[in-house]
Amino acid sequence: MKIMRLTVRNVMGCRDVDWDVSQHSLYVVGGRNGSGKTSAIRALVFALAGRSGVDDWPDCPLMEGEQEGRVRVELSGSDEMQDRNGFVAELLFERKRDGSVKES
């Protein structure tokens, strides 16, 4: 199984990330400090592991001032898992009227 694409919108330090890594076996993430590199990788882990699988889940993963955000991870299929079609893991964040964030 392989990550094919990562899309992150308005989560922690990521305003708009869309990485298509389907044609690569190695992907180097570079950029200036504060550009969202770590946030993008953490968002990937959040979508795959969920709140219960992450020890340092942020109090508010949604980017400040935004009403909604999402992380979408597209994965390839795997013969070992008897699934050749792959699947998508998606995590959505929505700010409620009281300011708290709903996750789905």
PDB file of N, CA and C in Angstrom:
ATOM      1  N   MET A   1       0.844  -1.167   0.000  1.00  0.00           N
ATOM      2  CA  MET A   1       0.000   0.000   0.000  1.00  0.00           C
ATOM      3  C   MET A   1       0.893   1.235   0.000  1.00  0.00           C
ATOM      4  N   LYS A   2       0.479   2.237  -0.761  1.00  0.00           N
ATOM      5  CA  LYS A   2       1.294   3.432  -0.943  1.00  0.00           C
ATOM      6  C   LYS A   2       0.396   4.669  -0.936  1.00  0.00           C
ATOM      7  N   ILE A   3       0.903   5.747  -0.372  1.00  0.00           N
ATOM      8  CA  ILE A   3       0.185   7.022  -0.440  1.00  0.00           C
ATOM      9  C   ILE A   3       0.291   7.532  -1.863  1.00  0.00           C
ATOM     10  N   MET A   4      -0.841   7.836  -2.457  1.00  0.00           N
ATOM     11  CA  MET A   4      -0.879   8.320  -3.837  1.00  0.00           C
ATOM     12  C   MET A   4      -1.045   9.845  -3.896  1.00  0.00           C
ATOM     13  N   ARG A   5      -1.846  10.392  -2.966  1.00  0.00           N
ATOM     14  CA  ARG A   5      -2.100  11.827  -2.973  1.00  0.00           C
ATOM     15  C   ARG A   5      -2.471  12.274  -1.560  1.00  0.00           C
ATOM     16  N   LEU A   6      -1.990  13.435  -1.175  1.00  0.00           N
ATOM     17  CA  LEU A   6      -2.338  14.054   0.091  1.00  0.00           C
ATOM     18  C   LEU A   6      -2.868  15.451  -0.198  1.00  0.00           C
ATOM     19  N   THR A   7      -4.052  15.723   0.318  1.00  0.00           N
ATOM     20  CA  THR A   7      -4.653  17.045   0.184  1.00  0.00           C
ATOM     21  C   THR A   7      -4.988  17.545   1.581  1.00  0.00           C
ATOM     22  N   VAL A   8      -4.518  18.750   1.909  1.00  0.00           N
ATOM     23  CA  VAL A   8      -4.784  19.352   3.214  1.00  0.00           C
ATOM     24  C   VAL A   8      -5.263  20.779   2.982  1.00  0.00           C
ATOM     25  N   ARG A   9      -6.376  21.136   3.618  1.00  0.00           N
ATOM     26  CA  ARG A   9      -6.922  22.495   3.501  1.00  0.00           C
ATOM     27  C   ARG A   9      -7.261  23.015   4.899  1.00  0.00           C
ATOM     28  N   ASN A  10      -6.644  24.129   5.266  1.00  0.00           N
ATOM     29  CA  ASN A  10      -6.973  24.852   6.499  1.00  0.00           C
ATOM     30  C   ASN A  10      -6.816  24.014   7.763  1.00  0.00           C
ATOM     31  N   VAL A  11      -5.781  23.206   7.828  1.00  0.00           N
ATOM     32  CA  VAL A  11      -5.511  22.400   9.016  1.00  0.00           C
ATOM     33  C   VAL A  11      -4.147  22.806   9.567  1.00  0.00           C
ATOM     34  N   MET A  12      -4.132  23.173  10.838  1.00  0.00           N
ATOM     35  CA  MET A  12      -2.948  23.683  11.522  1.00  0.00           C
ATOM     36  C   MET A  12      -2.263  24.735  10.647  1.00  0.00           C
ATOM     37  N   GLY A  13      -1.017  24.507  10.225  1.00  0.00           N
ATOM     38  CA  GLY A  13      -0.300  25.496   9.435  1.00  0.00           C
ATOM     39  C   GLY A  13      -0.452  25.335   7.933  1.00  0.00           C
ATOM     40  N   CYS A  14      -1.382  24.508   7.478  1.00  0.00           N
ATOM     41  CA  CYS A  14      -1.551  24.247   6.035  1.00  0.00           C
ATOM     42  C   CYS A  14      -2.803  24.915   5.499  1.00  0.00           C
ATOM     43  N   ARG A  15      -2.616  25.884   4.660  1.00  0.00           N
ATOM     44  CA  ARG A  15      -3.765  26.514   4.029  1.00  0.00           C
ATOM     45  C   ARG A  15      -4.211  25.695   2.816  1.00  0.00           C
ATOM     46  N   ASP A  16      -3.257  25.273   1.996  1.00  0.00           N
ATOM     47  CA  ASP A  16      -3.625  24.588   0.758  1.00  0.00           C
ATOM     48  C   ASP A  16      -2.456  23.732   0.274  1.00  0.00           C
ATOM     49  N   VAL A  17      -2.524  22.430   0.563  1.00  0.00           N
ATOM     50  CA  VAL A  17      -1.484  21.492   0.141  1.00  0.00           C
ATOM     51  C   VAL A  17      -2.131  20.429  -0.728  1.00  0.00           C
ATOM     52  N   ASP A  18      -1.522  20.141  -1.859  1.00  0.00           N
ATOM     53  CA  ASP A  18      -2.005  19.075  -2.735  1.00  0.00           C
ATOM     54  C   ASP A  18      -0.783  18.398  -3.350  1.00  0.00           C
ATOM     55  N   TRP A  19      -0.401  17.265  -2.765  1.00  0.00           N
ATOM     56  CA  TRP A  19       0.773  16.526  -3.220  1.00  0.00           C
ATOM     57  C   TRP A  19       0.335  15.271  -3.931  1.00  0.00           C
ATOM     58  N   ASP A  20       0.645  15.171  -5.207  1.00  0.00           N
ATOM     59  CA  ASP A  20       0.433  13.940  -5.971  1.00  0.00           C
ATOM     60  C   ASP A  20       1.771  13.217  -5.982  1.00  0.00           C
ATOM     61  N   VAL A  21       1.849  12.136  -5.225  1.00  0.00           N
ATOM     62  CA  VAL A  21       3.107  11.396  -5.111  1.00  0.00           C
ATOM     63  C   VAL A  21       2.991  10.019  -5.756  1.00  0.00           C
ATOM     64  N   SER A  22       2.015   9.849  -6.607  1.00  0.00           N
ATOM     65  CA  SER A  22       1.739   8.537  -7.194  1.00  0.00           C
ATOM     66  C   SER A  22       2.864   8.025  -8.083  1.00  0.00           C
ATOM     67  N   GLN A  23       3.653   8.903  -8.646  1.00  0.00           N
ATOM     68  CA  GLN A  23       4.711   8.483  -9.563  1.00  0.00           C
ATOM     69  C   GLN A  23       6.087   8.452  -8.913  1.00  0.00           C
ATOM     70  N   HIS A  24       6.132   8.622  -7.604  1.00  0.00           N
ATOM     71  CA  HIS A  24       7.414   8.723  -6.912  1.00  0.00           C
ATOM     72  C   HIS A  24       7.537   7.670  -5.816  1.00  0.00           C
ATOM     73  N   SER A  25       8.738   7.181  -5.616  1.00  0.00           N
ATOM     74  CA  SER A  25       8.971   6.287  -4.489  1.00  0.00           C
ATOM     75  C   SER A  25       9.631   7.045  -3.339  1.00  0.00           C
ATOM     76  N   LEU A  26      10.139   8.233  -3.618  1.00  0.00           N
ATOM     77  CA  LEU A  26      10.742   9.088  -2.601  1.00  0.00           C
ATOM     78  C   LEU A  26      10.263  10.502  -2.860  1.00  0.00           C
ATOM     79  N   TYR A  27       9.843  11.171  -1.820  1.00  0.00           N
ATOM     80  CA  TYR A  27       9.315  12.521  -1.971  1.00  0.00           C
ATOM     81  C   TYR A  27       9.984  13.397  -0.925  1.00  0.00           C
ATOM     82  N   VAL A  28      10.653  14.449  -1.335  1.00  0.00           N
ATOM     83  CA  VAL A  28      11.336  15.362  -0.429  1.00  0.00           C
ATOM     84  C   VAL A  28      10.433  16.569  -0.189  1.00  0.00           C
ATOM     85  N   VAL A  29      10.206  16.871   1.075  1.00  0.00           N
ATOM     86  CA  VAL A  29       9.377  18.013   1.444  1.00  0.00           C
ATOM     87  C   VAL A  29      10.301  19.114   1.923  1.00  0.00           C
ATOM     88  N   GLY A  30      10.282  20.231   1.236  1.00  0.00           N
ATOM     89  CA  GLY A  30      11.140  21.343   1.595  1.00  0.00           C
ATOM     90  C   GLY A  30      10.364  22.643   1.607  1.00  0.00           C
ATOM     91  N   GLY A  31      10.915  23.630   2.265  1.00  0.00           N
ATOM     92  CA  GLY A  31      10.267  24.941   2.311  1.00  0.00           C
ATOM     93  C   GLY A  31      10.800  25.735   3.484  1.00  0.00           C
ATOM     94  N   ARG A  32      10.411  26.981   3.507  1.00  0.00           N
ATOM     95  CA  ARG A  32      10.847  27.879   4.567  1.00  0.00           C
ATOM     96  C   ARG A  32      10.202  27.490   5.889  1.00  0.00           C
ATOM     97  N   ASN A  33      10.811  27.936   6.976  1.00  0.00           N
ATOM     98  CA  ASN A  33      10.221  27.734   8.292  1.00  0.00           C
ATOM     99  C   ASN A  33       8.828  28.346   8.321  1.00  0.00           C
ATOM    100  N   GLY A  34       7.889  27.618   8.899  1.00  0.00           N
ATOM    101  CA  GLY A  34       6.527  28.125   9.005  1.00  0.00           C
ATOM    102  C   GLY A  34       5.679  27.946   7.762  1.00  0.00           C
ATOM    103  N   SER A  35       6.200  27.241   6.753  1.00  0.00           N
ATOM    104  CA  SER A  35       5.442  27.083   5.507  1.00  0.00           C
ATOM    105  C   SER A  35       4.440  25.933   5.559  1.00  0.00           C
ATOM    106  N   GLY A  36       4.459  25.107   6.622  1.00  0.00           N
ATOM    107  CA  GLY A  36       3.461  24.056   6.778  1.00  0.00           C
ATOM    108  C   GLY A  36       3.946  22.640   6.533  1.00  0.00           C
ATOM    109  N   LYS A  37       5.248  22.429   6.435  1.00  0.00           N
ATOM    110  CA  LYS A  37       5.785  21.083   6.167  1.00  0.00           C
ATOM    111  C   LYS A  37       5.387  20.095   7.267  1.00  0.00           C
ATOM    112  N   THR A  38       5.677  20.442   8.491  1.00  0.00           N
ATOM    113  CA  THR A  38       5.352  19.560   9.614  1.00  0.00           C
ATOM    114  C   THR A  38       3.848  19.414   9.762  1.00  0.00           C
ATOM    115  N   SER A  39       3.108  20.488   9.576  1.00  0.00           N
ATOM    116  CA  SER A  39       1.649  20.418   9.674  1.00  0.00           C
ATOM    117  C   SER A  39       1.073  19.463   8.641  1.00  0.00           C
ATOM    118  N   ALA A  40       1.606  19.463   7.440  1.00  0.00           N
ATOM    119  CA  ALA A  40       1.111  18.557   6.393  1.00  0.00           C
ATOM    120  C   ALA A  40       1.359  17.100   6.770  1.00  0.00           C
ATOM    121  N   ILE A  41       2.544  16.811   7.289  1.00  0.00           N
ATOM    122  CA  ILE A  41       2.859  15.435   7.682  1.00  0.00           C
ATOM    123  C   ILE A  41       2.011  15.023   8.885  1.00  0.00           C
ATOM    124  N   ARG A  42       1.835  15.914   9.841  1.00  0.00           N
ATOM    125  CA  ARG A  42       0.985  15.598  11.000  1.00  0.00           C
ATOM    126  C   ARG A  42      -0.463  15.389  10.565  1.00  0.00           C
ATOM    127  N   ALA A  43      -0.951  16.188   9.632  1.00  0.00           N
ATOM    128  CA  ALA A  43      -2.318  16.027   9.127  1.00  0.00           C
ATOM    129  C   ALA A  43      -2.490  14.657   8.475  1.00  0.00           C
ATOM    130  N   LEU A  44      -1.483  14.208   7.764  1.00  0.00           N
ATOM    131  CA  LEU A  44      -1.496  12.867   7.166  1.00  0.00           C
ATOM    132  C   LEU A  44      -1.670  11.809   8.258  1.00  0.00           C
ATOM    133  N   VAL A  45      -0.907  11.924   9.318  1.00  0.00           N
ATOM    134  CA  VAL A  45      -1.004  10.974  10.431  1.00  0.00           C
ATOM    135  C   VAL A  45      -2.384  11.061  11.081  1.00  0.00           C
ATOM    136  N   PHE A  46      -2.907  12.269  11.253  1.00  0.00           N
ATOM    137  CA  PHE A  46      -4.241  12.428  11.842  1.00  0.00           C
ATOM    138  C   PHE A  46      -5.285  11.671  11.032  1.00  0.00           C
ATOM    139  N   ALA A  47      -5.240  11.809   9.710  1.00  0.00           N
ATOM    140  CA  ALA A  47      -6.241  11.160   8.860  1.00  0.00           C
ATOM    141  C   ALA A  47      -6.111   9.643   8.896  1.00  0.00           C
ATOM    142  N   LEU A  48      -4.892   9.140   8.996  1.00  0.00           N
ATOM    143  CA  LEU A  48      -4.693   7.691   8.987  1.00  0.00           C
ATOM    144  C   LEU A  48      -4.886   7.050  10.365  1.00  0.00           C
ATOM    145  N   ALA A  49      -4.492   7.753  11.427  1.00  0.00           N
ATOM    146  CA  ALA A  49      -4.527   7.158  12.768  1.00  0.00           C
ATOM    147  C   ALA A  49      -5.731   7.595  13.593  1.00  0.00           C
ATOM    148  N   GLY A  50      -6.284   8.769  13.302  1.00  0.00           N
ATOM    149  CA  GLY A  50      -7.392   9.275  14.105  1.00  0.00           C
ATOM    150  C   GLY A  50      -6.931   9.785  15.454  1.00  0.00           C
ATOM    151  N   ARG A  51      -7.853  10.385  16.168  1.00  0.00           N
ATOM    152  CA  ARG A  51      -7.540  10.988  17.473  1.00  0.00           C
ATOM    153  C   ARG A  51      -6.958   9.966  18.453  1.00  0.00           C
ATOM    154  N   SER A  52      -7.511   8.760  18.467  1.00  0.00           N
ATOM    155  CA  SER A  52      -7.046   7.759  19.432  1.00  0.00           C
ATOM    156  C   SER A  52      -5.639   7.247  19.113  1.00  0.00           C
ATOM    157  N   GLY A  53      -5.172   7.441  17.882  1.00  0.00           N
ATOM    158  CA  GLY A  53      -3.849   6.969  17.500  1.00  0.00           C
ATOM    159  C   GLY A  53      -2.773   8.029  17.537  1.00  0.00           C
ATOM    160  N   VAL A  54      -3.129   9.225  18.003  1.00  0.00           N
ATOM    161  CA  VAL A  54      -2.177  10.341  18.031  1.00  0.00           C
ATOM    162  C   VAL A  54      -2.072  10.865  19.459  1.00  0.00           C
ATOM    163  N   ASP A  55      -0.874  10.812  20.032  1.00  0.00           N
ATOM    164  CA  ASP A  55      -0.676  11.253  21.411  1.00  0.00           C
ATOM    165  C   ASP A  55      -0.770  12.764  21.578  1.00  0.00           C
ATOM    166  N   ASP A  56      -0.320  13.518  20.585  1.00  0.00           N
ATOM    167  CA  ASP A  56      -0.266  14.973  20.729  1.00  0.00           C
ATOM    168  C   ASP A  56      -1.271  15.684  19.813  1.00  0.00           C
ATOM    169  N   TRP A  57      -2.518  15.206  19.830  1.00  0.00           N
ATOM    170  CA  TRP A  57      -3.583  15.820  19.030  1.00  0.00           C
ATOM    171  C   TRP A  57      -3.753  17.265  19.492  1.00  0.00           C
ATOM    172  N   PRO A  58      -3.783  18.223  18.577  1.00  0.00           N
ATOM    173  CA  PRO A  58      -3.893  19.635  18.978  1.00  0.00           C
ATOM    174  C   PRO A  58      -5.273  19.958  19.544  1.00  0.00           C
ATOM    175  N   ASP A  59      -5.326  20.963  20.416  1.00  0.00           N
ATOM    176  CA  ASP A  59      -6.607  21.394  20.965  1.00  0.00           C
ATOM    177  C   ASP A  59      -7.561  21.817  19.859  1.00  0.00           C
ATOM    178  N   CYS A  60      -7.038  22.517  18.872  1.00  0.00           N
ATOM    179  CA  CYS A  60      -7.861  22.946  17.739  1.00  0.00           C
ATOM    180  C   CYS A  60      -7.064  22.742  16.447  1.00  0.00           C
ATOM    181  N   PRO A  61      -7.292  21.625  15.737  1.00  0.00           N
ATOM    182  CA  PRO A  61      -6.524  21.369  14.516  1.00  0.00           C
ATOM    183  C   PRO A  61      -6.911  22.267  13.340  1.00  0.00           C
ATOM    184  N   LEU A  62      -8.046  22.922  13.434  1.00  0.00           N
ATOM    185  CA  LEU A  62      -8.504  23.802  12.357  1.00  0.00           C
ATOM    186  C   LEU A  62      -7.710  25.104  12.388  1.00  0.00           C
ATOM    187  N   MET A  63      -7.298  25.575  11.215  1.00  0.00           N
ATOM    188  CA  MET A  63      -6.533  26.811  11.113  1.00  0.00           C
ATOM    189  C   MET A  63      -7.345  27.971  11.703  1.00  0.00           C
ATOM    190  N   GLU A  64      -6.662  28.818  12.460  1.00  0.00           N
ATOM    191  CA  GLU A  64      -7.338  29.932  13.112  1.00  0.00           C
ATOM    192  C   GLU A  64      -8.054  30.818  12.084  1.00  0.00           C
ATOM    193  N   GLY A  65      -9.295  31.159  12.385  1.00  0.00           N
ATOM    194  CA  GLY A  65     -10.078  32.030  11.516  1.00  0.00           C
ATOM    195  C   GLY A  65     -10.843  31.300  10.421  1.00  0.00           C
ATOM    196  N   GLU A  66     -10.608  30.014  10.249  1.00  0.00           N
ATOM    197  CA  GLU A  66     -11.292  29.246   9.207  1.00  0.00           C
ATOM    198  C   GLU A  66     -12.488  28.506   9.789  1.00  0.00           C
ATOM    199  N   GLN A  67     -13.506  28.302   8.969  1.00  0.00           N
ATOM    200  CA  GLN A  67     -14.724  27.623   9.402  1.00  0.00           C
ATOM    201  C   GLN A  67     -14.689  26.126   9.137  1.00  0.00           C
ATOM    202  N   GLU A  68     -13.893  25.715   8.161  1.00  0.00           N
ATOM    203  CA  GLU A  68     -13.801  24.288   7.871  1.00  0.00           C
ATOM    204  C   GLU A  68     -12.435  23.946   7.296  1.00  0.00           C
ATOM    205  N   GLY A  69     -12.079  22.692   7.449  1.00  0.00           N
ATOM    206  CA  GLY A  69     -10.813  22.193   6.922  1.00  0.00           C
ATOM    207  C   GLY A  69     -10.947  20.709   6.635  1.00  0.00           C
ATOM    208  N   ARG A  70      -9.964  20.176   5.902  1.00  0.00           N
ATOM    209  CA  ARG A  70     -10.013  18.748   5.573  1.00  0.00           C
ATOM    210  C   ARG A  70      -8.636  18.207   5.289  1.00  0.00           C
ATOM    211  N   VAL A  71      -8.530  16.900   5.523  1.00  0.00           N
ATOM    212  CA  VAL A  71      -7.340  16.144   5.139  1.00  0.00           C
ATOM    213  C   VAL A  71      -7.855  14.944   4.349  1.00  0.00           C
ATOM    214  N   ARG A  72      -7.307  14.733   3.169  1.00  0.00           N
ATOM    215  CA  ARG A  72      -7.708  13.606   2.332  1.00  0.00           C
ATOM    216  C   ARG A  72      -6.454  12.864   1.906  1.00  0.00           C
ATOM    217  N   VAL A  73      -6.438  11.558   2.147  1.00  0.00           N
ATOM    218  CA  VAL A  73      -5.299  10.718   1.781  1.00  0.00           C
ATOM    219  C   VAL A  73      -5.809   9.618   0.867  1.00  0.00           C
ATOM    220  N   GLU A  74      -5.279   9.577  -0.343  1.00  0.00           N
ATOM    221  CA  GLU A  74      -5.635   8.522  -1.289  1.00  0.00           C
ATOM    222  C   GLU A  74      -4.531   7.476  -1.258  1.00  0.00           C
ATOM    223  N   LEU A  75      -4.920   6.225  -1.041  1.00  0.00           N
ATOM    224  CA  LEU A  75      -3.966   5.128  -0.920  1.00  0.00           C
ATOM    225  C   LEU A  75      -4.158   4.124  -2.046  1.00  0.00           C
ATOM    226  N   SER A  76      -3.061   3.540  -2.488  1.00  0.00           N
ATOM    227  CA  SER A  76      -3.119   2.515  -3.534  1.00  0.00           C
ATOM    228  C   SER A  76      -3.641   1.213  -2.950  1.00  0.00           C
ATOM    229  N   GLY A  77      -3.957   0.301  -3.805  1.00  0.00           N
ATOM    230  CA  GLY A  77      -4.361  -1.032  -3.366  1.00  0.00           C
ATOM    231  C   GLY A  77      -3.150  -1.844  -2.932  1.00  0.00           C
ATOM    232  N   SER A  78      -3.424  -3.024  -2.389  1.00  0.00           N
ATOM    233  CA  SER A  78      -2.354  -3.880  -1.905  1.00  0.00           C
ATOM    234  C   SER A  78      -2.754  -5.335  -2.079  1.00  0.00           C
ATOM    235  N   ASP A  79      -1.894  -6.114  -2.739  1.00  0.00           N
ATOM    236  CA  ASP A  79      -2.161  -7.547  -2.869  1.00  0.00           C
ATOM    237  C   ASP A  79      -2.178  -8.222  -1.505  1.00  0.00           C
ATOM    238  N   GLU A  80      -1.300  -7.764  -0.607  1.00  0.00           N
ATOM    239  CA  GLU A  80      -1.247  -8.358   0.730  1.00  0.00           C
ATOM    240  C   GLU A  80      -2.560  -8.189   1.479  1.00  0.00           C
ATOM    241  N   MET A  81      -3.236  -7.071   1.240  1.00  0.00           N
ATOM    242  CA  MET A  81      -4.502  -6.816   1.922  1.00  0.00           C
ATOM    243  C   MET A  81      -5.696  -7.259   1.067  1.00  0.00           C
ATOM    244  N   GLN A  82      -5.409  -7.897  -0.035  1.00  0.00           N
ATOM    245  CA  GLN A  82      -6.429  -8.387  -0.966  1.00  0.00           C
ATOM    246  C   GLN A  82      -7.364  -7.270  -1.412  1.00  0.00           C
ATOM    247  N   ASP A  83      -6.768  -6.112  -1.665  1.00  0.00           N
ATOM    248  CA  ASP A  83      -7.528  -4.955  -2.116  1.00  0.00           C
ATOM    249  C   ASP A  83      -6.714  -4.247  -3.194  1.00  0.00           C
ATOM    250  N   ARG A  84      -7.091  -4.390  -4.401  1.00  0.00           N
ATOM    251  CA  ARG A  84      -6.336  -3.771  -5.499  1.00  0.00           C
ATOM    252  C   ARG A  84      -6.859  -2.390  -5.869  1.00  0.00           C
ATOM    253  N   ASN A  85      -8.010  -2.004  -5.335  1.00  0.00           N
ATOM    254  CA  ASN A  85      -8.616  -0.726  -5.695  1.00  0.00           C
ATOM    255  C   ASN A  85      -8.115   0.438  -4.853  1.00  0.00           C
ATOM    256  N   GLY A  86      -7.605   0.144  -3.668  1.00  0.00           N
ATOM    257  CA  GLY A  86      -7.181   1.202  -2.772  1.00  0.00           C
ATOM    258  C   GLY A  86      -8.363   1.828  -2.059  1.00  0.00           C
ATOM    259  N   PHE A  87      -8.084   2.872  -1.292  1.00  0.00           N
ATOM    260  CA  PHE A  87      -9.167   3.553  -0.600  1.00  0.00           C
ATOM    261  C   PHE A  87      -8.752   4.967  -0.237  1.00  0.00           C
ATOM    262  N   VAL A  88      -9.705   5.723   0.294  1.00  0.00           N
ATOM    263  CA  VAL A  88      -9.491   7.113   0.680  1.00  0.00           C
ATOM    264  C   VAL A  88      -9.785   7.252   2.165  1.00  0.00           C
ATOM    265  N   ALA A  89      -8.881   7.902   2.884  1.00  0.00           N
ATOM    266  CA  ALA A  89      -9.109   8.280   4.280  1.00  0.00           C
ATOM    267  C   ALA A  89      -9.298   9.791   4.289  1.00  0.00           C
ATOM    268  N   GLU A  90     -10.399  10.229   4.881  1.00  0.00           N
ATOM    269  CA  GLU A  90     -10.681  11.664   4.884  1.00  0.00           C
ATOM    270  C   GLU A  90     -11.109  12.098   6.279  1.00  0.00           C
ATOM    271  N   LEU A  91     -10.571  13.214   6.713  1.00  0.00           N
ATOM    272  CA  LEU A  91     -10.884  13.783   8.014  1.00  0.00           C
ATOM    273  C   LEU A  91     -11.354  15.209   7.780  1.00  0.00           C
ATOM    274  N   LEU A  92     -12.556  15.518   8.289  1.00  0.00           N
ATOM    275  CA  LEU A  92     -13.149  16.839   8.101  1.00  0.00           C
ATOM    276  C   LEU A  92     -13.245  17.556   9.440  1.00  0.00           C
ATOM    277  N   PHE A  93     -13.009  18.848   9.422  1.00  0.00           N
ATOM    278  CA  PHE A  93     -13.140  19.697  10.604  1.00  0.00           C
ATOM    279  C   PHE A  93     -14.130  20.807  10.280  1.00  0.00           C
ATOM    280  N   GLU A  94     -15.023  21.072  11.223  1.00  0.00           N
ATOM    281  CA  GLU A  94     -16.013  22.141  11.030  1.00  0.00           C
ATOM    282  C   GLU A  94     -16.177  22.901  12.340  1.00  0.00           C
ATOM    283  N   ARG A  95     -16.038  24.224  12.257  1.00  0.00           N
ATOM    284  CA  ARG A  95     -16.189  25.048  13.451  1.00  0.00           C
ATOM    285  C   ARG A  95     -17.674  25.228  13.744  1.00  0.00           C
ATOM    286  N   LYS A  96     -18.058  24.917  14.982  1.00  0.00           N
ATOM    287  CA  LYS A  96     -19.454  25.083  15.391  1.00  0.00           C
ATOM    288  C   LYS A  96     -19.689  26.506  15.892  1.00  0.00           C
ATOM    289  N   ARG A  97     -20.939  26.860  16.091  1.00  0.00           N
ATOM    290  CA  ARG A  97     -21.287  28.220  16.523  1.00  0.00           C
ATOM    291  C   ARG A  97     -20.625  28.614  17.833  1.00  0.00           C
ATOM    292  N   ASP A  98     -20.427  27.642  18.717  1.00  0.00           N
ATOM    293  CA  ASP A  98     -19.812  27.960  20.010  1.00  0.00           C
ATOM    294  C   ASP A  98     -18.287  28.062  19.935  1.00  0.00           C
ATOM    295  N   GLY A  99     -17.719  27.882  18.736  1.00  0.00           N
ATOM    296  CA  GLY A  99     -16.274  28.005  18.534  1.00  0.00           C
ATOM    297  C   GLY A  99     -15.525  26.688  18.603  1.00  0.00           C
ATOM    298  N   SER A 100     -16.178  25.645  19.123  1.00  0.00           N
ATOM    299  CA  SER A 100     -15.534  24.331  19.169  1.00  0.00           C
ATOM    300  C   SER A 100     -15.473  23.750  17.748  1.00  0.00           C
ATOM    301  N   VAL A 101     -14.669  22.712  17.598  1.00  0.00           N
ATOM    302  CA  VAL A 101     -14.471  22.102  16.273  1.00  0.00           C
ATOM    303  C   VAL A 101     -15.013  20.681  16.271  1.00  0.00           C
ATOM    304  N   LYS A 102     -15.863  20.407  15.314  1.00  0.00           N
ATOM    305  CA  LYS A 102     -16.416  19.056  15.124  1.00  0.00           C
ATOM    306  C   LYS A 102     -15.522  18.316  14.133  1.00  0.00           C
ATOM    307  N   GLU A 103     -15.213  17.068  14.451  1.00  0.00           N
ATOM    308  CA  GLU A 103     -14.405  16.220  13.573  1.00  0.00           C
ATOM    309  C   GLU A 103     -15.279  15.111  13.024  1.00  0.00           C
ATOM    310  N   SER A 104     -15.099  14.815  11.755  1.00  0.00           N
ATOM    311  CA  SER A 104     -15.804  13.660  11.167  1.00  0.00           C
ATOM    312  C   SER A 104     -14.947  13.055  10.097  1.00  0.00           C
TER     313      SER A 104
END
